[in-house]
Every structure is written in structure tokens, then in C-alpha cells.
Amino acid sequence: MIRETLDRFQRLLLALALLMPAIATAHPGHYHPPDEGDEFDQLRADYFHLHGYLEVGLAAVALVAVLLLRFHKNRKVKIGAAIAFTGSLALIVAF
């Protein structure tokens, strides 16, 4: 039971890691005049706009952490990778 749950969690983390580069490099891609607003502009600017190499580095850390979670045999390394993954996701959202 626990092993199956961990396997599902690892598959979910791997899927998220594969989508991370697409999310990190997404860009709004449209123009609005200065006086016209869009209700989704703030959401796009906050979460889907690349602000620099920090986000790319954090996405790389998350990807490496997922790979370590999946393929490393040492339990302590897996715990550290899980912490690094959740921390990098939290920092990506914060920036």
C-alpha cells in the first residue's frame, strides 16, 4: 500500500518535472494598450512570465530532485531531494 502510493507520487513528480521547462519559459505573448487591462494579466505576470535565470535554476533543481527521487537508492538522499523539490517549487511561485 505505502509502496504503491510512493510510486504514484514519484510518477506525479516526474510528470511535473517534465512540464516545468514549459511553465518556466511561458510568456503572455500579447499586447494591450496602457489604458486597457485584462483580468488575467496579473496572473500571467506573476506565475507564467520568466523573470531571469533564477527561475531556470530553480526549475533545474526541481528536475534533478525528481530524478534523484526516482532513481537513487539511498533514503536520506531521497528525503533531501523531496525537500529541495518542494523548496524550489515554493521559491518559483514566490518570485
N, C-alpha and C. Protein backbone atom coordinates (compact mmCIF):
# COMPACT_ATOMS: atom_id res chain seq x y z
N MET A 1 0.82 -1.19 0.00
CA MET A 1 0.00 0.00 0.00
C MET A 1 0.87 1.26 0.00
N ILE A 2 1.81 1.33 0.92
CA ILE A 2 2.68 2.51 1.00
C ILE A 2 3.58 2.57 -0.22
N ARG A 3 4.07 1.43 -0.65
CA ARG A 3 4.95 1.38 -1.83
C ARG A 3 4.22 1.87 -3.08
N GLU A 4 2.95 1.47 -3.25
CA GLU A 4 2.16 1.91 -4.39
C GLU A 4 1.92 3.41 -4.35
N THR A 5 1.66 3.94 -3.17
CA THR A 5 1.45 5.38 -3.02
C THR A 5 2.73 6.14 -3.36
N LEU A 6 3.87 5.65 -2.90
CA LEU A 6 5.14 6.30 -3.24
C LEU A 6 5.43 6.24 -4.73
N ASP A 7 5.10 5.12 -5.37
CA ASP A 7 5.29 5.02 -6.81
C ASP A 7 4.40 6.01 -7.56
N ARG A 8 3.17 6.17 -7.13
CA ARG A 8 2.27 7.15 -7.75
C ARG A 8 2.80 8.57 -7.54
N PHE A 9 3.29 8.86 -6.34
CA PHE A 9 3.83 10.18 -6.05
C PHE A 9 5.06 10.45 -6.90
N GLN A 10 5.91 9.46 -7.09
CA GLN A 10 7.09 9.63 -7.93
C GLN A 10 6.70 9.87 -9.38
N ARG A 11 5.68 9.19 -9.87
CA ARG A 11 5.21 9.43 -11.24
C ARG A 11 4.64 10.83 -11.39
N LEU A 12 3.92 11.30 -10.38
CA LEU A 12 3.39 12.66 -10.41
C LEU A 12 4.51 13.69 -10.42
N LEU A 13 5.51 13.49 -9.57
CA LEU A 13 6.65 14.42 -9.55
C LEU A 13 7.41 14.41 -10.87
N LEU A 14 7.55 13.27 -11.47
CA LEU A 14 8.22 13.18 -12.77
C LEU A 14 7.43 13.92 -13.84
N ALA A 15 6.11 13.78 -13.83
CA ALA A 15 5.28 14.50 -14.80
C ALA A 15 5.39 16.00 -14.59
N LEU A 16 5.38 16.44 -13.35
CA LEU A 16 5.55 17.87 -13.07
C LEU A 16 6.91 18.37 -13.52
N ALA A 17 7.93 17.57 -13.31
CA ALA A 17 9.28 17.97 -13.72
C ALA A 17 9.38 18.07 -15.23
N LEU A 18 8.69 17.21 -15.95
CA LEU A 18 8.72 17.28 -17.40
C LEU A 18 7.97 18.51 -17.92
N LEU A 19 6.97 18.95 -17.18
CA LEU A 19 6.23 20.15 -17.58
C LEU A 19 6.90 21.45 -17.10
N MET A 20 7.83 21.34 -16.16
CA MET A 20 8.44 22.52 -15.56
C MET A 20 9.12 23.45 -16.58
N PRO A 21 9.90 22.95 -17.54
CA PRO A 21 10.51 23.87 -18.50
C PRO A 21 9.48 24.65 -19.31
N ALA A 22 8.37 24.01 -19.67
CA ALA A 22 7.33 24.71 -20.42
C ALA A 22 6.70 25.80 -19.56
N ILE A 23 6.49 25.53 -18.30
CA ILE A 23 5.90 26.53 -17.41
C ILE A 23 6.90 27.66 -17.15
N ALA A 24 8.16 27.32 -16.98
CA ALA A 24 9.18 28.32 -16.66
C ALA A 24 9.44 29.26 -17.83
N THR A 25 9.27 28.82 -19.06
CA THR A 25 9.56 29.67 -20.20
C THR A 25 8.32 30.26 -20.86
N ALA A 26 7.15 30.01 -20.30
CA ALA A 26 5.92 30.54 -20.89
C ALA A 26 5.92 32.06 -20.81
N HIS A 27 5.28 32.67 -21.79
CA HIS A 27 5.24 34.13 -21.86
C HIS A 27 3.84 34.53 -22.30
N PRO A 28 3.30 35.65 -21.80
CA PRO A 28 1.94 36.05 -22.17
C PRO A 28 1.75 36.17 -23.68
N GLY A 29 2.66 36.81 -24.39
CA GLY A 29 2.64 36.82 -25.84
C GLY A 29 1.57 37.67 -26.51
N HIS A 30 0.98 38.62 -25.84
CA HIS A 30 0.04 39.51 -26.48
C HIS A 30 0.21 40.91 -25.94
N TYR A 31 -0.31 41.88 -26.66
CA TYR A 31 -0.12 43.28 -26.30
C TYR A 31 -1.45 43.91 -25.94
N HIS A 32 -1.42 44.72 -24.89
CA HIS A 32 -2.56 45.55 -24.51
C HIS A 32 -2.08 46.99 -24.46
N PRO A 33 -2.91 47.92 -24.95
CA PRO A 33 -2.55 49.33 -24.75
C PRO A 33 -2.49 49.65 -23.26
N PRO A 34 -1.77 50.71 -22.88
CA PRO A 34 -1.61 51.02 -21.45
C PRO A 34 -2.92 51.25 -20.70
N ASP A 35 -3.96 51.75 -21.38
CA ASP A 35 -5.22 52.03 -20.67
C ASP A 35 -6.16 50.82 -20.64
N GLU A 36 -5.82 49.76 -21.35
CA GLU A 36 -6.68 48.57 -21.38
C GLU A 36 -6.09 47.48 -20.49
N GLY A 37 -6.92 46.91 -19.65
CA GLY A 37 -6.46 45.86 -18.75
C GLY A 37 -7.12 44.54 -19.05
N ASP A 38 -6.50 43.49 -18.61
CA ASP A 38 -7.03 42.15 -18.76
C ASP A 38 -7.01 41.52 -17.38
N GLU A 39 -8.06 40.80 -17.03
CA GLU A 39 -8.13 40.23 -15.67
C GLU A 39 -7.07 39.16 -15.45
N PHE A 40 -6.52 38.60 -16.51
CA PHE A 40 -5.52 37.55 -16.35
C PHE A 40 -4.09 38.07 -16.48
N ASP A 41 -3.91 39.37 -16.71
CA ASP A 41 -2.56 39.90 -16.86
C ASP A 41 -1.72 39.71 -15.61
N GLN A 42 -2.30 39.96 -14.45
CA GLN A 42 -1.54 39.81 -13.21
C GLN A 42 -1.17 38.35 -12.96
N LEU A 43 -2.10 37.43 -13.24
CA LEU A 43 -1.80 36.01 -13.09
C LEU A 43 -0.67 35.60 -14.03
N ARG A 44 -0.73 36.03 -15.26
CA ARG A 44 0.33 35.70 -16.21
C ARG A 44 1.65 36.33 -15.80
N ALA A 45 1.60 37.56 -15.35
CA ALA A 45 2.84 38.24 -14.96
C ALA A 45 3.46 37.59 -13.72
N ASP A 46 2.62 37.13 -12.81
CA ASP A 46 3.14 36.55 -11.56
C ASP A 46 3.64 35.12 -11.72
N TYR A 47 2.94 34.31 -12.49
CA TYR A 47 3.25 32.88 -12.49
C TYR A 47 3.80 32.33 -13.80
N PHE A 48 3.51 32.96 -14.93
CA PHE A 48 3.91 32.38 -16.20
C PHE A 48 4.89 33.25 -16.99
N HIS A 49 5.52 34.18 -16.36
CA HIS A 49 6.47 35.06 -17.04
C HIS A 49 7.86 34.81 -16.49
N LEU A 50 8.79 34.54 -17.39
CA LEU A 50 10.15 34.26 -16.96
C LEU A 50 10.84 35.56 -16.54
N HIS A 51 11.37 35.60 -15.33
CA HIS A 51 11.99 36.80 -14.81
C HIS A 51 13.51 36.74 -14.82
N GLY A 52 14.09 35.66 -15.18
CA GLY A 52 15.54 35.59 -15.22
C GLY A 52 16.05 34.18 -14.99
N TYR A 53 17.35 34.12 -14.79
CA TYR A 53 18.00 32.82 -14.64
C TYR A 53 17.69 32.16 -13.30
N LEU A 54 17.20 32.90 -12.33
CA LEU A 54 16.86 32.31 -11.04
C LEU A 54 15.77 31.25 -11.19
N GLU A 55 14.72 31.58 -11.96
CA GLU A 55 13.64 30.62 -12.16
C GLU A 55 14.12 29.39 -12.95
N VAL A 56 14.99 29.62 -13.93
CA VAL A 56 15.52 28.50 -14.70
C VAL A 56 16.35 27.60 -13.79
N GLY A 57 17.16 28.21 -12.91
CA GLY A 57 17.96 27.43 -11.96
C GLY A 57 17.09 26.65 -10.99
N LEU A 58 16.02 27.28 -10.51
CA LEU A 58 15.12 26.59 -9.60
C LEU A 58 14.38 25.45 -10.30
N ALA A 59 14.03 25.65 -11.56
CA ALA A 59 13.40 24.57 -12.32
C ALA A 59 14.38 23.42 -12.52
N ALA A 60 15.65 23.74 -12.75
CA ALA A 60 16.66 22.69 -12.90
C ALA A 60 16.84 21.92 -11.59
N VAL A 61 16.83 22.63 -10.47
CA VAL A 61 16.94 21.96 -9.17
C VAL A 61 15.75 21.02 -8.96
N ALA A 62 14.56 21.48 -9.33
CA ALA A 62 13.38 20.64 -9.19
C ALA A 62 13.47 19.40 -10.08
N LEU A 63 13.98 19.57 -11.29
CA LEU A 63 14.11 18.43 -12.19
C LEU A 63 15.12 17.42 -11.67
N VAL A 64 16.27 17.89 -11.20
CA VAL A 64 17.28 16.99 -10.64
C VAL A 64 16.74 16.29 -9.40
N ALA A 65 15.98 17.02 -8.58
CA ALA A 65 15.40 16.42 -7.38
C ALA A 65 14.43 15.30 -7.75
N VAL A 66 13.63 15.49 -8.79
CA VAL A 66 12.70 14.43 -9.21
C VAL A 66 13.48 13.22 -9.70
N LEU A 67 14.55 13.45 -10.45
CA LEU A 67 15.35 12.32 -10.92
C LEU A 67 16.00 11.58 -9.75
N LEU A 68 16.47 12.32 -8.75
CA LEU A 68 17.03 11.66 -7.58
C LEU A 68 15.97 10.88 -6.81
N LEU A 69 14.78 11.45 -6.70
CA LEU A 69 13.70 10.73 -6.03
C LEU A 69 13.37 9.42 -6.74
N ARG A 70 13.45 9.45 -8.03
CA ARG A 70 13.08 8.26 -8.80
C ARG A 70 14.17 7.19 -8.83
N PHE A 71 15.43 7.61 -8.99
CA PHE A 71 16.46 6.64 -9.31
C PHE A 71 17.48 6.38 -8.20
N HIS A 72 17.55 7.21 -7.18
CA HIS A 72 18.56 6.99 -6.13
C HIS A 72 18.05 5.98 -5.12
N LYS A 73 18.95 5.18 -4.58
CA LYS A 73 18.54 4.13 -3.64
C LYS A 73 18.65 4.53 -2.18
N ASN A 74 19.45 5.54 -1.88
CA ASN A 74 19.65 5.97 -0.51
C ASN A 74 18.44 6.77 -0.02
N ARG A 75 17.89 6.37 1.10
CA ARG A 75 16.68 7.03 1.63
C ARG A 75 16.97 8.48 2.05
N LYS A 76 18.14 8.74 2.60
CA LYS A 76 18.46 10.11 3.03
C LYS A 76 18.57 11.05 1.83
N VAL A 77 19.10 10.56 0.73
CA VAL A 77 19.18 11.37 -0.48
C VAL A 77 17.78 11.66 -1.01
N LYS A 78 16.90 10.68 -0.94
CA LYS A 78 15.52 10.88 -1.40
C LYS A 78 14.80 11.92 -0.54
N ILE A 79 15.04 11.90 0.75
CA ILE A 79 14.41 12.89 1.64
C ILE A 79 14.94 14.29 1.30
N GLY A 80 16.24 14.41 1.11
CA GLY A 80 16.82 15.69 0.73
C GLY A 80 16.31 16.17 -0.62
N ALA A 81 16.14 15.25 -1.56
CA ALA A 81 15.61 15.61 -2.87
C ALA A 81 14.16 16.09 -2.78
N ALA A 82 13.37 15.45 -1.93
CA ALA A 82 11.98 15.88 -1.75
C ALA A 82 11.92 17.28 -1.15
N ILE A 83 12.79 17.56 -0.20
CA ILE A 83 12.85 18.90 0.41
C ILE A 83 13.29 19.93 -0.63
N ALA A 84 14.30 19.58 -1.42
CA ALA A 84 14.78 20.50 -2.47
C ALA A 84 13.70 20.76 -3.51
N PHE A 85 12.95 19.72 -3.86
CA PHE A 85 11.87 19.87 -4.85
C PHE A 85 10.79 20.81 -4.35
N THR A 86 10.29 20.57 -3.15
CA THR A 86 9.22 21.42 -2.62
C THR A 86 9.72 22.85 -2.38
N GLY A 87 10.96 22.98 -1.93
CA GLY A 87 11.52 24.32 -1.72
C GLY A 87 11.68 25.08 -3.02
N SER A 88 12.13 24.42 -4.06
CA SER A 88 12.30 25.11 -5.34
C SER A 88 10.94 25.48 -5.94
N LEU A 89 9.94 24.62 -5.79
CA LEU A 89 8.61 24.99 -6.27
C LEU A 89 8.06 26.19 -5.51
N ALA A 90 8.27 26.21 -4.21
CA ALA A 90 7.79 27.35 -3.41
C ALA A 90 8.50 28.64 -3.81
N LEU A 91 9.79 28.56 -4.08
CA LEU A 91 10.52 29.76 -4.49
C LEU A 91 10.14 30.22 -5.90
N ILE A 92 9.84 29.27 -6.80
CA ILE A 92 9.40 29.66 -8.14
C ILE A 92 8.09 30.45 -8.04
N VAL A 93 7.18 29.99 -7.22
CA VAL A 93 5.90 30.69 -7.05
C VAL A 93 6.12 32.04 -6.38
N ALA A 94 7.05 32.11 -5.43
CA ALA A 94 7.29 33.36 -4.71
C ALA A 94 7.90 34.43 -5.58
N PHE A 95 8.71 34.03 -6.54
CA PHE A 95 9.35 35.02 -7.42
C PHE A 95 8.49 35.28 -8.61
